[in-house]
Amino acid sequence: MTDASGIEVLRIEHRAILRMLDVTRELAHLLEAGAEVPPDMLDAVAEFMRVFGDEHLRKEEEYLFPSLGKRGASLDGMAIESLQRDHDRSRLLLEKMAAAAVGYREHRPKSDRNWGRFASEYAAVLRRHIDKEEEVFYPAAEQLLSTEQQRALGDSLRRRTEEALPQGRSQHFSAMADTMAADLLVPTL
């Protein structure tokens, strides 16, 4: 990934996030159906999304959006503000998921179904958001940014990852998503 453009760095991270969204959706289905789920799995989803997922969102907000905002980017009617609202909504839902996970661990009534409901909405919001980025926003960004600007963005994003996540932590989160998916028998799409 050392030579990847900024957009490719973000796409690689999307793949890990989408895998964890598959896990999130499966856990939500299980909880909503009344199944018992190890509380540690809910904690692992929250940790992944709070650390790896939110770091991804911050990279977009602090590096990609400003570089495109300087060009007045409203891409196929999709303003950067729309993407920012998705980020804000996903963070709010993640807070609710984390609170419901604490309740679930403490055996509070309805915490399982609350986690499932918040997690289902979270996964839907983030999946739609990623689809918008992959189908519209990223291709347009690749057209707007020169090859040099894309390379510089990639360098900035890699430096940010090294600063924000200790050595090997990014790979740990990618492996975590795959391991949890395998444990839950979530099919690879």
Protein backbone atom coordinates (compact mmCIF):
# COMPACT_ATOMS: atom_id res chain seq x y z
CA MET A 1 0.00 0.00 0.00
CA THR A 2 3.05 2.29 0.07
CA ASP A 3 2.53 3.43 -3.53
CA ALA A 4 -1.26 3.60 -3.41
CA SER A 5 -2.97 6.88 -4.19
CA GLY A 6 -4.98 8.56 -1.47
CA ILE A 7 -8.22 7.28 -2.97
CA GLU A 8 -6.87 3.72 -3.13
CA VAL A 9 -5.82 3.92 0.54
CA LEU A 10 -9.40 4.89 1.44
CA ARG A 11 -10.85 2.13 -0.77
CA ILE A 12 -8.67 -0.48 0.96
CA GLU A 13 -9.97 0.73 4.32
CA HIS A 14 -13.54 0.59 2.99
CA ARG A 15 -13.11 -3.14 2.34
CA ALA A 16 -12.26 -3.80 6.01
CA ILE A 17 -15.09 -1.55 7.20
CA LEU A 18 -17.59 -3.29 4.91
CA ARG A 19 -16.47 -6.64 6.29
CA MET A 20 -17.12 -5.43 9.83
CA LEU A 21 -20.49 -4.07 8.72
CA ASP A 22 -21.33 -7.62 7.58
CA VAL A 23 -20.43 -8.79 11.09
CA THR A 24 -22.46 -5.96 12.63
CA ARG A 25 -25.50 -6.84 10.54
CA GLU A 26 -25.24 -10.54 11.47
CA LEU A 27 -24.92 -9.75 15.19
CA ALA A 28 -27.90 -7.41 14.93
CA HIS A 29 -30.00 -10.18 13.33
CA LEU A 30 -29.01 -12.62 16.05
CA LEU A 31 -29.84 -10.21 18.86
CA GLU A 32 -33.10 -9.10 17.30
CA ALA A 33 -34.07 -12.81 17.05
CA GLY A 34 -33.35 -13.28 20.76
CA ALA A 35 -30.13 -15.26 20.39
CA GLU A 36 -27.35 -15.02 22.96
CA VAL A 37 -24.22 -13.30 21.67
CA PRO A 38 -20.95 -13.02 23.61
CA PRO A 39 -20.76 -9.41 24.89
CA ASP A 40 -17.10 -9.34 23.83
CA MET A 41 -18.23 -9.49 20.20
CA LEU A 42 -20.29 -6.31 20.64
CA ASP A 43 -17.31 -4.67 22.32
CA ALA A 44 -15.04 -5.74 19.44
CA VAL A 45 -17.38 -4.18 16.86
CA ALA A 46 -17.44 -0.95 18.86
CA GLU A 47 -13.66 -0.93 19.23
CA PHE A 48 -13.14 -1.55 15.51
CA MET A 49 -15.55 1.19 14.47
CA ARG A 50 -14.40 3.68 17.13
CA VAL A 51 -10.73 3.25 16.31
CA PHE A 52 -10.32 2.03 12.73
CA GLY A 53 -13.64 3.26 11.32
CA ASP A 54 -13.50 6.69 12.91
CA GLU A 55 -9.87 7.12 11.89
CA HIS A 56 -10.98 6.49 8.31
CA LEU A 57 -13.71 9.14 8.62
CA ARG A 58 -11.22 11.62 10.07
CA LYS A 59 -8.85 11.05 7.16
CA GLU A 60 -11.64 11.94 4.76
CA GLU A 61 -12.64 14.98 6.82
CA GLU A 62 -9.13 16.29 7.45
CA TYR A 63 -7.44 15.47 4.14
CA LEU A 64 -9.77 14.52 1.29
CA PHE A 65 -12.70 16.88 1.90
CA PRO A 66 -10.50 19.97 2.32
CA SER A 67 -8.50 19.21 -0.82
CA LEU A 68 -11.72 18.90 -2.81
CA GLY A 69 -13.47 21.74 -1.00
CA LYS A 70 -10.79 24.09 -2.27
CA ARG A 71 -12.08 23.26 -5.72
CA GLY A 72 -15.70 23.91 -4.70
CA ALA A 73 -16.50 20.24 -5.19
CA SER A 74 -20.13 19.32 -5.42
CA LEU A 75 -19.86 16.04 -7.23
CA ASP A 76 -22.90 14.99 -9.25
CA GLY A 77 -25.06 16.96 -6.83
CA MET A 78 -23.36 15.40 -3.80
CA ALA A 79 -21.91 18.15 -1.68
CA ILE A 80 -19.17 17.35 0.77
CA GLU A 81 -21.59 18.50 3.48
CA SER A 82 -23.84 15.52 2.66
CA LEU A 83 -20.95 13.13 3.30
CA GLN A 84 -20.13 14.96 6.54
CA ARG A 85 -23.74 14.53 7.72
CA ASP A 86 -23.38 10.78 7.11
CA HIS A 87 -20.23 10.77 9.24
CA ASP A 88 -22.01 12.64 12.03
CA ARG A 89 -25.02 10.27 11.92
CA SER A 90 -22.80 7.18 12.02
CA ARG A 91 -20.95 8.53 15.06
CA LEU A 92 -24.22 9.18 16.90
CA LEU A 93 -25.46 5.65 16.15
CA LEU A 94 -22.13 4.17 17.27
CA GLU A 95 -22.51 5.95 20.63
CA LYS A 96 -25.98 4.41 20.99
CA MET A 97 -24.61 0.98 20.07
CA ALA A 98 -21.87 1.32 22.69
CA ALA A 99 -24.40 2.29 25.38
CA ALA A 100 -26.65 -0.63 24.42
CA ALA A 101 -23.63 -2.99 24.55
CA VAL A 102 -22.95 -1.90 28.14
CA GLY A 103 -26.61 -2.55 28.93
CA TYR A 104 -26.43 -5.95 27.27
CA ARG A 105 -23.36 -6.89 29.30
CA GLU A 106 -25.25 -5.83 32.45
CA HIS A 107 -28.35 -7.82 31.37
CA ARG A 108 -30.59 -4.74 31.17
CA PRO A 109 -33.96 -5.35 29.53
CA LYS A 110 -34.23 -4.64 25.80
CA SER A 111 -30.52 -3.86 25.44
CA ASP A 112 -30.10 -6.72 23.00
CA ARG A 113 -32.85 -5.47 20.72
CA ASN A 114 -31.69 -1.86 21.11
CA TRP A 115 -28.17 -2.83 20.06
CA GLY A 116 -29.62 -4.75 17.13
CA ARG A 117 -31.79 -1.81 16.04
CA PHE A 118 -29.00 0.77 16.35
CA ALA A 119 -26.49 -1.57 14.70
CA SER A 120 -28.83 -2.27 11.78
CA GLU A 121 -29.33 1.43 11.19
CA TYR A 122 -25.61 2.12 11.62
CA ALA A 123 -24.71 -0.55 9.07
CA ALA A 124 -27.31 0.76 6.61
CA VAL A 125 -26.16 4.40 6.95
CA LEU A 126 -22.49 3.54 6.60
CA ARG A 127 -23.04 1.10 3.73
CA ARG A 128 -25.06 3.69 1.76
CA HIS A 129 -22.37 6.25 2.54
CA ILE A 130 -19.59 3.99 1.29
CA ASP A 131 -21.60 3.23 -1.85
CA LYS A 132 -21.93 6.99 -2.54
CA GLU A 133 -18.21 7.45 -2.09
CA GLU A 134 -17.22 4.45 -4.20
CA GLU A 135 -19.67 5.11 -7.02
CA VAL A 136 -19.66 8.91 -7.24
CA PHE A 137 -17.35 10.74 -4.89
CA TYR A 138 -14.08 8.84 -5.28
CA PRO A 139 -14.22 8.59 -9.09
CA ALA A 140 -14.95 12.31 -9.28
CA ALA A 141 -12.11 13.03 -6.84
CA GLU A 142 -9.76 11.03 -9.05
CA GLN A 143 -10.77 13.27 -11.96
CA LEU A 144 -10.36 16.50 -9.97
CA LEU A 145 -7.03 15.70 -8.31
CA SER A 146 -3.89 15.48 -10.38
CA THR A 147 -1.69 12.40 -10.17
CA GLU A 148 0.73 14.35 -7.97
CA GLN A 149 -2.09 15.53 -5.68
CA GLN A 150 -3.38 11.96 -5.37
CA ARG A 151 0.11 10.69 -4.52
CA ALA A 152 0.60 13.45 -1.94
CA LEU A 153 -2.80 12.62 -0.45
CA GLY A 154 -1.77 8.95 -0.22
CA ASP A 155 1.46 9.93 1.57
CA SER A 156 -0.50 12.12 4.01
CA LEU A 157 -3.00 9.36 4.75
CA ARG A 158 -0.26 6.79 5.35
CA ARG A 159 1.54 9.19 7.72
CA ARG A 160 -1.74 9.82 9.53
CA THR A 161 -2.28 6.06 9.97
CA GLU A 162 1.24 5.63 11.34
CA GLU A 163 0.68 8.47 13.82
CA ALA A 164 -2.84 7.46 14.90
CA LEU A 165 -2.51 3.68 15.02
CA PRO A 166 0.54 2.00 16.56
CA GLN A 167 2.64 -0.30 14.39
CA GLY A 168 0.58 -3.15 12.96
CA ARG A 169 -2.68 -1.95 14.53
CA SER A 170 -4.28 -1.20 11.16
CA GLN A 171 -3.58 -4.77 9.99
CA HIS A 172 -4.91 -6.03 13.34
CA PHE A 173 -8.26 -4.39 12.67
CA SER A 174 -8.49 -5.78 9.15
CA ALA A 175 -7.75 -9.27 10.48
CA MET A 176 -10.27 -8.75 13.31
CA ALA A 177 -13.06 -8.14 10.80
CA ASP A 178 -12.17 -11.27 8.84
CA THR A 179 -11.87 -13.42 11.97
CA MET A 180 -15.20 -12.28 13.39
CA ALA A 181 -16.88 -12.83 10.01
CA ALA A 182 -15.47 -16.36 9.87
CA ASP A 183 -16.61 -17.05 13.45
CA LEU A 184 -20.16 -15.98 12.56
CA LEU A 185 -20.05 -17.80 9.20
CA VAL A 186 -20.73 -14.54 7.36
CA PRO A 187 -20.34 -15.19 3.63
CA THR A 188 -17.71 -13.29 1.70
CA LEU A 189 -19.33 -11.06 -0.87
